[in-house]
Amino acid sequence: MKVVILNKNFQLEDGNIEIPQVKSNEVLIQIKASGFNPIDYQMLENELERKLISSPILGRELSGIIVEKGTEVSEFNIGDEVFSGSGSMGSNGTYAEYISVPAAIVSLKPQNISFEQAASIPSAGLTSLQIFKRLKLNPENTILVTGATGGLGSFLIKLLLANHIRKIIATVGSEANRQILLNMGLESHQIINYKEENLIENLLKANKGQSFDIGIDLVGNHMSEVTANVLKINGTYVDVTALVTKEAHEHLFNKGSLIMNISNYTYSMVKDYGYYKNSLEEISKLIENGAILPPQYKIIGNLSLETVLQAHSLLKNNQAQGHKLIMKH
């Protein structure tokens, strides 16, 4: 099968390998579309993220069609249209024509959306749902969301609004991204451009002069410092990036903040596959009944090194413009 694979010099290249064999508890999926995530390029550059590489073929989420199943698999049939956040649990990553994964992490694709839309959901959906459930929010909580128009941020904002959580302030970097949040249902005063001067003052002013109960930081680095600065004493800092700076960490410690680390990888470590299937099924129902919409997406190209490199570059340089980047297979 055709793949984009890491060579011995840790460089990506086009390649061909054998189609994986299914184990008794697995299904073989012909991938129709896959999604790109910042971790894809971060694993090539960051030592912490690099430890998560389990296959020379990267990519962590997909949609497709089941073409073969193991002897123990009874809940799926050949030809079923499915989606999955495969993470490190598959035979290989999703930069490939086929993947074999445990049936326990797979869910039927929502019937009312395309393969491309379905491939845009798993990583952002699983992470957003985990954030929402672990925070146990109430409508009075004041929340800052940084990087609000990325794939994760957009899905999270939709999920919060669908659950009547509305005291949200979100950061964007352009007028186009501001418009995206307005279209989702936020009001103009809830949207702050992080490129403008006096960012901390602007955030606090938007929150009626008060520090935030919760900071959901989807950016890290300098924004981790900003988020820490505007949190109230004993507030909650939600860390999705593992890019908290030393200064931010000291600030959070001095404030007695609760740091809530969010990682879907955690559940694969203990083989808690139910987390993945149950969460995807919950998200699927929300999409099918119209409670939330799938992310906006942009098709970068077909399965190839060129497509992968272009997607990595767009993510690295924050040029996704509020769209989930998708590769067709």
C-alpha atoms as a PDB file:
ATOM      1  CA  MET A   1       0.000   0.000   0.000  1.00  0.00           C
ATOM      2  CA  LYS A   2       1.051   3.593  -0.576  1.00  0.00           C
ATOM      3  CA  VAL A   3       2.299   5.481   2.494  1.00  0.00           C
ATOM      4  CA  VAL A   4       4.170   8.589   3.590  1.00  0.00           C
ATOM      5  CA  ILE A   5       6.844   7.262   5.924  1.00  0.00           C
ATOM      6  CA  LEU A   6       9.791   8.367   8.048  1.00  0.00           C
ATOM      7  CA  ASN A   7      13.141   7.127   6.714  1.00  0.00           C
ATOM      8  CA  LYS A   8      16.196   6.218   8.780  1.00  0.00           C
ATOM      9  CA  ASN A   9      17.264   9.874   8.758  1.00  0.00           C
ATOM     10  CA  PHE A  10      13.962  10.861  10.352  1.00  0.00           C
ATOM     11  CA  GLN A  11      12.766  12.537   7.144  1.00  0.00           C
ATOM     12  CA  LEU A  12       9.370  11.982   5.543  1.00  0.00           C
ATOM     13  CA  GLU A  13       9.198  10.384   2.098  1.00  0.00           C
ATOM     14  CA  ASP A  14       6.748   8.567  -0.173  1.00  0.00           C
ATOM     15  CA  GLY A  15       6.866   4.795   0.184  1.00  0.00           C
ATOM     16  CA  ASN A  16       5.121   1.447  -0.207  1.00  0.00           C
ATOM     17  CA  ILE A  17       4.651  -1.296   2.404  1.00  0.00           C
ATOM     18  CA  GLU A  18       2.517  -4.400   2.824  1.00  0.00           C
ATOM     19  CA  ILE A  19      -1.141  -4.011   3.806  1.00  0.00           C
ATOM     20  CA  PRO A  20      -1.340  -4.784   7.552  1.00  0.00           C
ATOM     21  CA  GLN A  21      -2.790  -8.074   8.775  1.00  0.00           C
ATOM     22  CA  VAL A  22      -5.774  -7.891  11.118  1.00  0.00           C
ATOM     23  CA  LYS A  23      -5.579  -9.436  14.559  1.00  0.00           C
ATOM     24  CA  SER A  24      -8.588 -11.241  15.967  1.00  0.00           C
ATOM     25  CA  ASN A  25      -9.898  -8.122  17.743  1.00  0.00           C
ATOM     26  CA  GLU A  26      -9.196  -5.676  14.902  1.00  0.00           C
ATOM     27  CA  VAL A  27     -10.734  -4.293  11.735  1.00  0.00           C
ATOM     28  CA  LEU A  28      -8.895  -3.350   8.546  1.00  0.00           C
ATOM     29  CA  ILE A  29     -10.019   0.050   7.298  1.00  0.00           C
ATOM     30  CA  GLN A  30      -9.524   1.422   3.801  1.00  0.00           C
ATOM     31  CA  ILE A  31      -8.877   5.049   4.666  1.00  0.00           C
ATOM     32  CA  LYS A  32     -10.960   7.571   2.739  1.00  0.00           C
ATOM     33  CA  ALA A  33      -9.795  10.723   4.526  1.00  0.00           C
ATOM     34  CA  SER A  34      -7.455  11.643   7.365  1.00  0.00           C
ATOM     35  CA  GLY A  35      -6.947  14.737   9.485  1.00  0.00           C
ATOM     36  CA  PHE A  36      -3.795  16.649  10.373  1.00  0.00           C
ATOM     37  CA  ASN A  37      -2.935  17.816  13.892  1.00  0.00           C
ATOM     38  CA  PRO A  38      -0.142  20.006  15.317  1.00  0.00           C
ATOM     39  CA  ILE A  39       1.285  16.949  17.074  1.00  0.00           C
ATOM     40  CA  ASP A  40       2.066  15.531  13.609  1.00  0.00           C
ATOM     41  CA  TYR A  41       4.825  18.066  12.984  1.00  0.00           C
ATOM     42  CA  GLN A  42       5.646  18.503  16.683  1.00  0.00           C
ATOM     43  CA  MET A  43       6.667  14.831  16.874  1.00  0.00           C
ATOM     44  CA  LEU A  44       9.321  15.613  14.276  1.00  0.00           C
ATOM     45  CA  GLU A  45      10.693  18.586  16.215  1.00  0.00           C
ATOM     46  CA  ASN A  46       9.910  18.157  19.922  1.00  0.00           C
ATOM     47  CA  GLU A  47      11.610  15.539  22.091  1.00  0.00           C
ATOM     48  CA  LEU A  48       8.586  15.200  24.402  1.00  0.00           C
ATOM     49  CA  GLU A  49       6.176  14.615  21.524  1.00  0.00           C
ATOM     50  CA  ARG A  50       8.680  12.405  19.679  1.00  0.00           C
ATOM     51  CA  LYS A  51       8.337   9.830  22.443  1.00  0.00           C
ATOM     52  CA  LEU A  52       4.764   9.265  21.230  1.00  0.00           C
ATOM     53  CA  ILE A  53       5.896   7.927  17.847  1.00  0.00           C
ATOM     54  CA  SER A  54       4.910   4.276  17.622  1.00  0.00           C
ATOM     55  CA  SER A  55       5.173   3.844  13.853  1.00  0.00           C
ATOM     56  CA  PRO A  56       7.298   5.428  11.100  1.00  0.00           C
ATOM     57  CA  ILE A  57       3.957   6.310   9.489  1.00  0.00           C
ATOM     58  CA  LEU A  58       2.428   9.309  11.269  1.00  0.00           C
ATOM     59  CA  GLY A  59      -1.186  10.503  11.427  1.00  0.00           C
ATOM     60  CA  ARG A  60      -3.768   9.950  14.172  1.00  0.00           C
ATOM     61  CA  GLU A  61      -7.364  10.243  12.907  1.00  0.00           C
ATOM     62  CA  LEU A  62      -9.316   8.876   9.965  1.00  0.00           C
ATOM     63  CA  SER A  63     -12.541   7.909   8.320  1.00  0.00           C
ATOM     64  CA  GLY A  64     -13.023   5.016   5.937  1.00  0.00           C
ATOM     65  CA  ILE A  65     -14.634   1.689   5.110  1.00  0.00           C
ATOM     66  CA  ILE A  66     -14.131  -1.641   6.886  1.00  0.00           C
ATOM     67  CA  VAL A  67     -12.775  -4.142   4.352  1.00  0.00           C
ATOM     68  CA  GLU A  68     -11.769  -6.978   6.683  1.00  0.00           C
ATOM     69  CA  LYS A  69     -12.364  -7.930  10.317  1.00  0.00           C
ATOM     70  CA  GLY A  70     -10.883 -10.285  12.886  1.00  0.00           C
ATOM     71  CA  THR A  71     -12.581 -13.431  14.121  1.00  0.00           C
ATOM     72  CA  GLU A  72     -13.627 -11.851  17.438  1.00  0.00           C
ATOM     73  CA  VAL A  73     -15.259  -8.774  15.871  1.00  0.00           C
ATOM     74  CA  SER A  74     -19.049  -8.956  15.831  1.00  0.00           C
ATOM     75  CA  GLU A  75     -20.202  -5.340  16.122  1.00  0.00           C
ATOM     76  CA  PHE A  76     -19.135  -4.323  12.590  1.00  0.00           C
ATOM     77  CA  ASN A  77     -19.727  -5.628   9.076  1.00  0.00           C
ATOM     78  CA  ILE A  78     -17.639  -5.439   5.932  1.00  0.00           C
ATOM     79  CA  GLY A  79     -18.581  -2.212   4.153  1.00  0.00           C
ATOM     80  CA  ASP A  80     -19.426  -0.236   7.298  1.00  0.00           C
ATOM     81  CA  GLU A  81     -18.461   3.439   7.091  1.00  0.00           C
ATOM     82  CA  VAL A  82     -16.517   4.348  10.234  1.00  0.00           C
ATOM     83  CA  PHE A  83     -14.266   6.926  11.864  1.00  0.00           C
ATOM     84  CA  SER A  84     -11.631   6.652  14.546  1.00  0.00           C
ATOM     85  CA  GLY A  85      -9.009   8.488  16.541  1.00  0.00           C
ATOM     86  CA  SER A  86      -6.372   5.816  16.001  1.00  0.00           C
ATOM     87  CA  GLY A  87      -3.549   7.594  17.840  1.00  0.00           C
ATOM     88  CA  SER A  88      -0.779   5.090  18.524  1.00  0.00           C
ATOM     89  CA  MET A  89      -3.154   2.139  18.712  1.00  0.00           C
ATOM     90  CA  GLY A  90      -3.161   1.130  15.051  1.00  0.00           C
ATOM     91  CA  SER A  91      -0.862  -1.007  12.934  1.00  0.00           C
ATOM     92  CA  ASN A  92       0.505   2.247  11.512  1.00  0.00           C
ATOM     93  CA  GLY A  93      -0.443   5.900  11.285  1.00  0.00           C
ATOM     94  CA  THR A  94      -3.021   7.343   8.916  1.00  0.00           C
ATOM     95  CA  TYR A  95      -0.659   8.585   6.194  1.00  0.00           C
ATOM     96  CA  ALA A  96      -1.475   5.324   4.440  1.00  0.00           C
ATOM     97  CA  GLU A  97      -4.082   3.609   2.285  1.00  0.00           C
ATOM     98  CA  TYR A  98      -5.037   1.099   4.995  1.00  0.00           C
ATOM     99  CA  ILE A  99      -4.852   0.746   8.760  1.00  0.00           C
ATOM    100  CA  SER A 100      -5.677  -2.070  11.162  1.00  0.00           C
ATOM    101  CA  VAL A 101      -7.028  -0.930  14.532  1.00  0.00           C
ATOM    102  CA  PRO A 102      -8.819  -2.484  17.521  1.00  0.00           C
ATOM    103  CA  ALA A 103     -12.533  -2.580  16.784  1.00  0.00           C
ATOM    104  CA  ALA A 104     -13.023  -1.232  20.308  1.00  0.00           C
ATOM    105  CA  ILE A 105     -11.821   2.260  19.302  1.00  0.00           C
ATOM    106  CA  VAL A 106     -13.926   2.531  16.138  1.00  0.00           C
ATOM    107  CA  SER A 107     -17.367   4.104  15.722  1.00  0.00           C
ATOM    108  CA  LEU A 108     -19.829   4.211  12.856  1.00  0.00           C
ATOM    109  CA  LYS A 109     -19.525   7.467  10.921  1.00  0.00           C
ATOM    110  CA  PRO A 110     -22.376   9.949  11.440  1.00  0.00           C
ATOM    111  CA  GLN A 111     -24.757   9.284   8.573  1.00  0.00           C
ATOM    112  CA  ASN A 112     -25.332  12.907   7.675  1.00  0.00           C
ATOM    113  CA  ILE A 113     -21.726  13.935   6.980  1.00  0.00           C
ATOM    114  CA  SER A 114     -18.987  13.129   4.459  1.00  0.00           C
ATOM    115  CA  PHE A 115     -15.807  11.117   4.976  1.00  0.00           C
ATOM    116  CA  GLU A 116     -13.858  14.390   4.938  1.00  0.00           C
ATOM    117  CA  GLN A 117     -16.038  15.902   7.667  1.00  0.00           C
ATOM    118  CA  ALA A 118     -15.827  12.704   9.723  1.00  0.00           C
ATOM    119  CA  ALA A 119     -12.018  12.682   9.531  1.00  0.00           C
ATOM    120  CA  SER A 120     -11.968  16.204  10.959  1.00  0.00           C
ATOM    121  CA  ILE A 121     -13.694  15.141  14.181  1.00  0.00           C
ATOM    122  CA  PRO A 122     -11.834  12.509  16.290  1.00  0.00           C
ATOM    123  CA  SER A 123      -8.883  14.424  17.762  1.00  0.00           C
ATOM    124  CA  ALA A 124     -10.728  17.712  18.275  1.00  0.00           C
ATOM    125  CA  GLY A 125     -13.910  15.976  19.361  1.00  0.00           C
ATOM    126  CA  LEU A 126     -12.310  13.607  21.862  1.00  0.00           C
ATOM    127  CA  THR A 127     -10.198  16.364  23.392  1.00  0.00           C
ATOM    128  CA  SER A 128     -13.079  18.851  23.581  1.00  0.00           C
ATOM    129  CA  LEU A 129     -15.387  16.340  25.178  1.00  0.00           C
ATOM    130  CA  GLN A 130     -12.733  15.369  27.722  1.00  0.00           C
ATOM    131  CA  ILE A 131     -12.170  19.025  28.626  1.00  0.00           C
ATOM    132  CA  PHE A 132     -15.902  19.638  28.994  1.00  0.00           C
ATOM    133  CA  LYS A 133     -16.563  16.584  31.153  1.00  0.00           C
ATOM    134  CA  ARG A 134     -13.563  16.984  33.429  1.00  0.00           C
ATOM    135  CA  LEU A 135     -14.244  20.666  34.133  1.00  0.00           C
ATOM    136  CA  LYS A 136     -17.831  20.015  35.307  1.00  0.00           C
ATOM    137  CA  LEU A 137     -18.790  23.515  34.213  1.00  0.00           C
ATOM    138  CA  ASN A 138     -21.719  25.636  35.264  1.00  0.00           C
ATOM    139  CA  PRO A 139     -23.150  28.648  33.384  1.00  0.00           C
ATOM    140  CA  GLU A 140     -21.596  31.112  35.842  1.00  0.00           C
ATOM    141  CA  ASN A 141     -17.989  30.038  35.133  1.00  0.00           C
ATOM    142  CA  THR A 142     -15.920  32.620  33.298  1.00  0.00           C
ATOM    143  CA  ILE A 143     -13.695  30.948  30.694  1.00  0.00           C
ATOM    144  CA  LEU A 144     -10.787  32.073  28.534  1.00  0.00           C
ATOM    145  CA  VAL A 145     -10.078  30.004  25.414  1.00  0.00           C
ATOM    146  CA  THR A 146      -6.835  30.751  23.557  1.00  0.00           C
ATOM    147  CA  GLY A 147      -6.396  29.651  19.951  1.00  0.00           C
ATOM    148  CA  ALA A 148     -10.166  29.467  19.641  1.00  0.00           C
ATOM    149  CA  THR A 149     -10.457  29.028  15.867  1.00  0.00           C
ATOM    150  CA  GLY A 150      -8.154  26.070  15.398  1.00  0.00           C
ATOM    151  CA  GLY A 151      -9.664  22.627  14.848  1.00  0.00           C
ATOM    152  CA  LEU A 152      -9.828  21.936  18.583  1.00  0.00           C
ATOM    153  CA  GLY A 153     -10.818  25.453  19.592  1.00  0.00           C
ATOM    154  CA  SER A 154     -13.683  25.644  17.107  1.00  0.00           C
ATOM    155  CA  PHE A 155     -15.116  22.301  18.205  1.00  0.00           C
ATOM    156  CA  LEU A 156     -14.769  23.232  21.877  1.00  0.00           C
ATOM    157  CA  ILE A 157     -16.556  26.566  21.425  1.00  0.00           C
ATOM    158  CA  LYS A 158     -19.432  24.766  19.666  1.00  0.00           C
ATOM    159  CA  LEU A 159     -19.636  22.202  22.464  1.00  0.00           C
ATOM    160  CA  LEU A 160     -19.647  24.874  25.182  1.00  0.00           C
ATOM    161  CA  LEU A 161     -22.364  26.907  23.475  1.00  0.00           C
ATOM    162  CA  ALA A 162     -24.457  23.788  22.828  1.00  0.00           C
ATOM    163  CA  ASN A 163     -24.380  23.165  26.595  1.00  0.00           C
ATOM    164  CA  HIS A 164     -25.377  26.756  27.443  1.00  0.00           C
ATOM    165  CA  ILE A 165     -21.911  27.787  28.677  1.00  0.00           C
ATOM    166  CA  ARG A 166     -21.706  31.360  27.439  1.00  0.00           C
ATOM    167  CA  LYS A 167     -19.350  33.371  29.677  1.00  0.00           C
ATOM    168  CA  ILE A 168     -16.512  32.815  27.214  1.00  0.00           C
ATOM    169  CA  ILE A 169     -13.729  35.123  26.078  1.00  0.00           C
ATOM    170  CA  ALA A 170     -11.741  33.836  23.113  1.00  0.00           C
ATOM    171  CA  THR A 171      -8.546  34.958  21.375  1.00  0.00           C
ATOM    172  CA  VAL A 172      -8.022  35.244  17.620  1.00  0.00           C
ATOM    173  CA  GLY A 173      -5.289  36.640  15.401  1.00  0.00           C
ATOM    174  CA  SER A 174      -7.211  38.015  12.433  1.00  0.00           C
ATOM    175  CA  GLU A 175     -10.477  39.593  11.357  1.00  0.00           C
ATOM    176  CA  ALA A 176     -11.313  36.439   9.375  1.00  0.00           C
ATOM    177  CA  ASN A 177     -11.019  34.342  12.528  1.00  0.00           C
ATOM    178  CA  ARG A 178     -13.100  36.857  14.452  1.00  0.00           C
ATOM    179  CA  GLN A 179     -15.841  36.348  11.885  1.00  0.00           C
ATOM    180  CA  ILE A 180     -15.652  32.583  12.359  1.00  0.00           C
ATOM    181  CA  LEU A 181     -16.413  32.966  16.070  1.00  0.00           C
ATOM    182  CA  LEU A 182     -19.187  35.470  15.392  1.00  0.00           C
ATOM    183  CA  ASN A 183     -20.773  32.952  13.050  1.00  0.00           C
ATOM    184  CA  MET A 184     -20.577  30.314  15.792  1.00  0.00           C
ATOM    185  CA  GLY A 185     -22.538  32.490  18.184  1.00  0.00           C
ATOM    186  CA  LEU A 186     -20.026  34.527  20.198  1.00  0.00           C
ATOM    187  CA  GLU A 187     -20.545  38.282  20.385  1.00  0.00           C
ATOM    188  CA  SER A 188     -17.990  40.874  19.363  1.00  0.00           C
ATOM    189  CA  HIS A 189     -17.051  41.829  22.929  1.00  0.00           C
ATOM    190  CA  GLN A 190     -16.172  38.191  23.650  1.00  0.00           C
ATOM    191  CA  ILE A 191     -13.467  38.074  20.980  1.00  0.00           C
ATOM    192  CA  ILE A 192     -10.017  39.583  21.601  1.00  0.00           C
ATOM    193  CA  ASN A 193      -7.224  39.922  19.037  1.00  0.00           C
ATOM    194  CA  TYR A 194      -4.049  38.661  20.712  1.00  0.00           C
ATOM    195  CA  LYS A 195      -1.902  40.733  18.334  1.00  0.00           C
ATOM    196  CA  GLU A 196      -3.168  44.044  19.682  1.00  0.00           C
ATOM    197  CA  GLU A 197      -1.347  45.911  22.456  1.00  0.00           C
ATOM    198  CA  ASN A 198      -2.273  45.488  26.121  1.00  0.00           C
ATOM    199  CA  LEU A 199      -3.558  41.944  25.650  1.00  0.00           C
ATOM    200  CA  ILE A 200      -3.828  41.163  29.361  1.00  0.00           C
ATOM    201  CA  GLU A 201      -5.715  44.379  30.051  1.00  0.00           C
ATOM    202  CA  ASN A 202      -8.018  43.750  27.089  1.00  0.00           C
ATOM    203  CA  LEU A 203      -8.830  40.229  28.293  1.00  0.00           C
ATOM    204  CA  LEU A 204      -9.641  41.374  31.820  1.00  0.00           C
ATOM    205  CA  LYS A 205     -11.729  44.265  30.520  1.00  0.00           C
ATOM    206  CA  ALA A 206     -13.710  41.860  28.323  1.00  0.00           C
ATOM    207  CA  ASN A 207     -14.362  39.783  31.467  1.00  0.00           C
ATOM    208  CA  LYS A 208     -15.840  42.802  33.260  1.00  0.00           C
ATOM    209  CA  GLY A 209     -12.566  43.594  34.996  1.00  0.00           C
ATOM    210  CA  GLN A 210     -12.414  40.218  36.716  1.00  0.00           C
ATOM    211  CA  SER A 211      -9.867  37.410  36.548  1.00  0.00           C
ATOM    212  CA  PHE A 212     -11.036  34.177  34.939  1.00  0.00           C
ATOM    213  CA  ASP A 213     -12.233  31.061  36.729  1.00  0.00           C
ATOM    214  CA  ILE A 214     -10.822  28.852  33.985  1.00  0.00           C
ATOM    215  CA  GLY A 215      -8.164  29.279  31.302  1.00  0.00           C
ATOM    216  CA  ILE A 216      -8.211  26.728  28.481  1.00  0.00           C
ATOM    217  CA  ASP A 217      -4.865  27.202  26.759  1.00  0.00           C
ATOM    218  CA  LEU A 218      -4.699  25.648  23.292  1.00  0.00           C
ATOM    219  CA  VAL A 219      -1.564  27.568  22.244  1.00  0.00           C
ATOM    220  CA  GLY A 220       1.121  27.340  24.926  1.00  0.00           C
ATOM    221  CA  ASN A 221       4.436  29.226  25.095  1.00  0.00           C
ATOM    222  CA  HIS A 222       3.754  32.973  25.491  1.00  0.00           C
ATOM    223  CA  MET A 223       0.000  32.417  25.669  1.00  0.00           C
ATOM    224  CA  SER A 224       0.520  30.124  28.654  1.00  0.00           C
ATOM    225  CA  GLU A 225       1.993  33.129  30.461  1.00  0.00           C
ATOM    226  CA  VAL A 226      -0.914  35.354  29.432  1.00  0.00           C
ATOM    227  CA  THR A 227      -3.429  32.735  30.543  1.00  0.00           C
ATOM    228  CA  ALA A 228      -1.687  32.264  33.898  1.00  0.00           C
ATOM    229  CA  ASN A 229      -1.647  36.018  34.408  1.00  0.00           C
ATOM    230  CA  VAL A 230      -5.403  36.468  33.968  1.00  0.00           C
ATOM    231  CA  LEU A 231      -6.470  33.469  36.065  1.00  0.00           C
ATOM    232  CA  LYS A 232      -7.951  34.130  39.485  1.00  0.00           C
ATOM    233  CA  ILE A 233      -6.430  32.728  42.672  1.00  0.00           C
ATOM    234  CA  ASN A 234      -7.125  28.964  42.831  1.00  0.00           C
ATOM    235  CA  GLY A 235      -8.363  29.066  39.255  1.00  0.00           C
ATOM    236  CA  THR A 236      -8.045  26.180  36.797  1.00  0.00           C
ATOM    237  CA  TYR A 237      -5.506  26.115  33.974  1.00  0.00           C
ATOM    238  CA  VAL A 238      -6.349  23.540  31.304  1.00  0.00           C
ATOM    239  CA  ASP A 239      -3.196  22.434  29.507  1.00  0.00           C
ATOM    240  CA  VAL A 240      -3.549  20.692  26.153  1.00  0.00           C
ATOM    241  CA  THR A 241      -0.162  21.518  24.654  1.00  0.00           C
ATOM    242  CA  ALA A 242       2.504  20.656  27.285  1.00  0.00           C
ATOM    243  CA  LEU A 243       4.070  23.970  26.192  1.00  0.00           C
ATOM    244  CA  VAL A 244       3.775  25.795  29.524  1.00  0.00           C
ATOM    245  CA  THR A 245       6.769  28.058  30.058  1.00  0.00           C
ATOM    246  CA  LYS A 246       8.785  28.168  33.281  1.00  0.00           C
ATOM    247  CA  GLU A 247       7.466  31.652  34.002  1.00  0.00           C
ATOM    248  CA  ALA A 248       3.858  30.533  33.497  1.00  0.00           C
ATOM    249  CA  HIS A 249       4.352  27.496  35.701  1.00  0.00           C
ATOM    250  CA  GLU A 250       5.772  29.645  38.523  1.00  0.00           C
ATOM    251  CA  HIS A 251       2.856  32.044  38.188  1.00  0.00           C
ATOM    252  CA  LEU A 252       0.340  29.198  38.354  1.00  0.00           C
ATOM    253  CA  PHE A 253       2.082  27.721  41.396  1.00  0.00           C
ATOM    254  CA  ASN A 254       2.066  31.059  43.222  1.00  0.00           C
ATOM    255  CA  LYS A 255      -1.660  31.450  42.507  1.00  0.00           C
ATOM    256  CA  GLY A 256      -2.445  27.964  43.802  1.00  0.00           C
ATOM    257  CA  SER A 257      -3.896  27.075  40.427  1.00  0.00           C
ATOM    258  CA  LEU A 258      -5.179  23.652  39.539  1.00  0.00           C
ATOM    259  CA  ILE A 259      -3.382  22.469  36.385  1.00  0.00           C
ATOM    260  CA  MET A 260      -5.570  20.061  34.448  1.00  0.00           C
ATOM    261  CA  ASN A 261      -3.552  18.139  31.848  1.00  0.00           C
ATOM    262  CA  ILE A 262      -5.603  16.881  28.907  1.00  0.00           C
ATOM    263  CA  SER A 263      -4.368  13.899  26.902  1.00  0.00           C
ATOM    264  CA  ASN A 264      -6.206  11.317  24.833  1.00  0.00           C
ATOM    265  CA  TYR A 265      -2.992   9.281  24.794  1.00  0.00           C
ATOM    266  CA  THR A 266      -3.536   8.492  28.479  1.00  0.00           C
ATOM    267  CA  TYR A 267      -6.343   6.053  27.735  1.00  0.00           C
ATOM    268  CA  SER A 268      -4.319   4.095  25.192  1.00  0.00           C
ATOM    269  CA  MET A 269      -1.584   3.606  27.805  1.00  0.00           C
ATOM    270  CA  VAL A 270      -3.984   1.602  29.964  1.00  0.00           C
ATOM    271  CA  LYS A 271      -5.888   0.150  26.981  1.00  0.00           C
ATOM    272  CA  ASP A 272      -9.122   1.832  28.065  1.00  0.00           C
ATOM    273  CA  TYR A 273     -10.552   1.563  24.561  1.00  0.00           C
ATOM    274  CA  GLY A 274     -14.080   2.255  25.748  1.00  0.00           C
ATOM    275  CA  TYR A 275     -13.111   5.901  26.215  1.00  0.00           C
ATOM    276  CA  TYR A 276     -12.557   6.286  22.469  1.00  0.00           C
ATOM    277  CA  LYS A 277     -15.602   4.399  21.201  1.00  0.00           C
ATOM    278  CA  ASN A 278     -18.022   5.839  23.773  1.00  0.00           C
ATOM    279  CA  SER A 279     -16.820   9.394  23.208  1.00  0.00           C
ATOM    280  CA  LEU A 280     -17.030   9.097  19.417  1.00  0.00           C
ATOM    281  CA  GLU A 281     -20.523   7.628  19.655  1.00  0.00           C
ATOM    282  CA  GLU A 282     -21.588  10.513  21.905  1.00  0.00           C
ATOM    283  CA  ILE A 283     -20.151  13.045  19.460  1.00  0.00           C
ATOM    284  CA  SER A 284     -21.787  11.242  16.539  1.00  0.00           C
ATOM    285  CA  LYS A 285     -25.209  11.563  18.174  1.00  0.00           C
ATOM    286  CA  LEU A 286     -24.660  15.284  18.797  1.00  0.00           C
ATOM    287  CA  ILE A 287     -23.818  15.772  15.123  1.00  0.00           C
ATOM    288  CA  GLU A 288     -26.651  13.619  13.791  1.00  0.00           C
ATOM    289  CA  ASN A 289     -29.265  15.448  15.865  1.00  0.00           C
ATOM    290  CA  GLY A 290     -27.868  18.846  14.899  1.00  0.00           C
ATOM    291  CA  ALA A 291     -26.733  19.904  18.393  1.00  0.00           C
ATOM    292  CA  ILE A 292     -23.272  20.683  17.023  1.00  0.00           C
ATOM    293  CA  LEU A 293     -21.755  20.927  13.563  1.00  0.00           C
ATOM    294  CA  PRO A 294     -18.518  19.243  12.451  1.00  0.00           C
ATOM    295  CA  PRO A 295     -15.473  21.508  12.026  1.00  0.00           C
ATOM    296  CA  GLN A 296     -14.960  23.525   8.889  1.00  0.00           C
ATOM    297  CA  TYR A 297     -12.369  21.704   6.820  1.00  0.00           C
ATOM    298  CA  LYS A 298     -10.014  22.269   3.931  1.00  0.00           C
ATOM    299  CA  ILE A 299      -8.762  19.496   1.650  1.00  0.00           C
ATOM    300  CA  ILE A 300      -5.028  19.961   1.139  1.00  0.00           C
ATOM    301  CA  GLY A 301      -4.600  17.176  -1.412  1.00  0.00           C
ATOM    302  CA  ASN A 302      -4.416  13.443  -1.951  1.00  0.00           C
ATOM    303  CA  LEU A 303      -2.184  10.994  -0.057  1.00  0.00           C
ATOM    304  CA  SER A 304       1.374  12.111  -0.854  1.00  0.00           C
ATOM    305  CA  LEU A 305       4.502  13.595   0.669  1.00  0.00           C
ATOM    306  CA  GLU A 306       3.666  16.940  -0.928  1.00  0.00           C
ATOM    307  CA  THR A 307       0.283  17.067   0.787  1.00  0.00           C
ATOM    308  CA  VAL A 308       1.736  16.110   4.170  1.00  0.00           C
ATOM    309  CA  LEU A 309       4.518  18.696   4.023  1.00  0.00           C
ATOM    310  CA  GLN A 310       2.097  21.421   2.972  1.00  0.00           C
ATOM    311  CA  ALA A 311      -0.281  20.601   5.810  1.00  0.00           C
ATOM    312  CA  HIS A 312       2.550  20.538   8.366  1.00  0.00           C
ATOM    313  CA  SER A 313       3.735  23.946   7.161  1.00  0.00           C
ATOM    314  CA  LEU A 314       0.253  25.468   7.386  1.00  0.00           C
ATOM    315  CA  LEU A 315      -0.183  24.177  10.934  1.00  0.00           C
ATOM    316  CA  LYS A 316       3.257  25.248  12.072  1.00  0.00           C
ATOM    317  CA  ASN A 317       2.754  28.777  10.754  1.00  0.00           C
ATOM    318  CA  ASN A 318      -0.815  29.137  12.052  1.00  0.00           C
ATOM    319  CA  GLN A 319      -2.227  29.419   8.538  1.00  0.00           C
ATOM    320  CA  ALA A 320      -5.096  26.944   8.806  1.00  0.00           C
ATOM    321  CA  GLN A 321      -7.514  29.905   9.070  1.00  0.00           C
ATOM    322  CA  GLY A 322      -9.946  28.111  11.319  1.00  0.00           C
ATOM    323  CA  HIS A 323     -10.159  25.039   9.121  1.00  0.00           C
ATOM    324  CA  LYS A 324      -9.337  21.429   9.895  1.00  0.00           C
ATOM    325  CA  LEU A 325      -6.781  20.275   7.334  1.00  0.00           C
ATOM    326  CA  ILE A 326      -7.759  17.066   5.533  1.00  0.00           C
ATOM    327  CA  MET A 327      -6.011  14.607   3.191  1.00  0.00           C
ATOM    328  CA  LYS A 328      -8.018  12.471   0.781  1.00  0.00           C
ATOM    329  CA  HIS A 329      -6.999   8.851   0.177  1.00  0.00           C
END
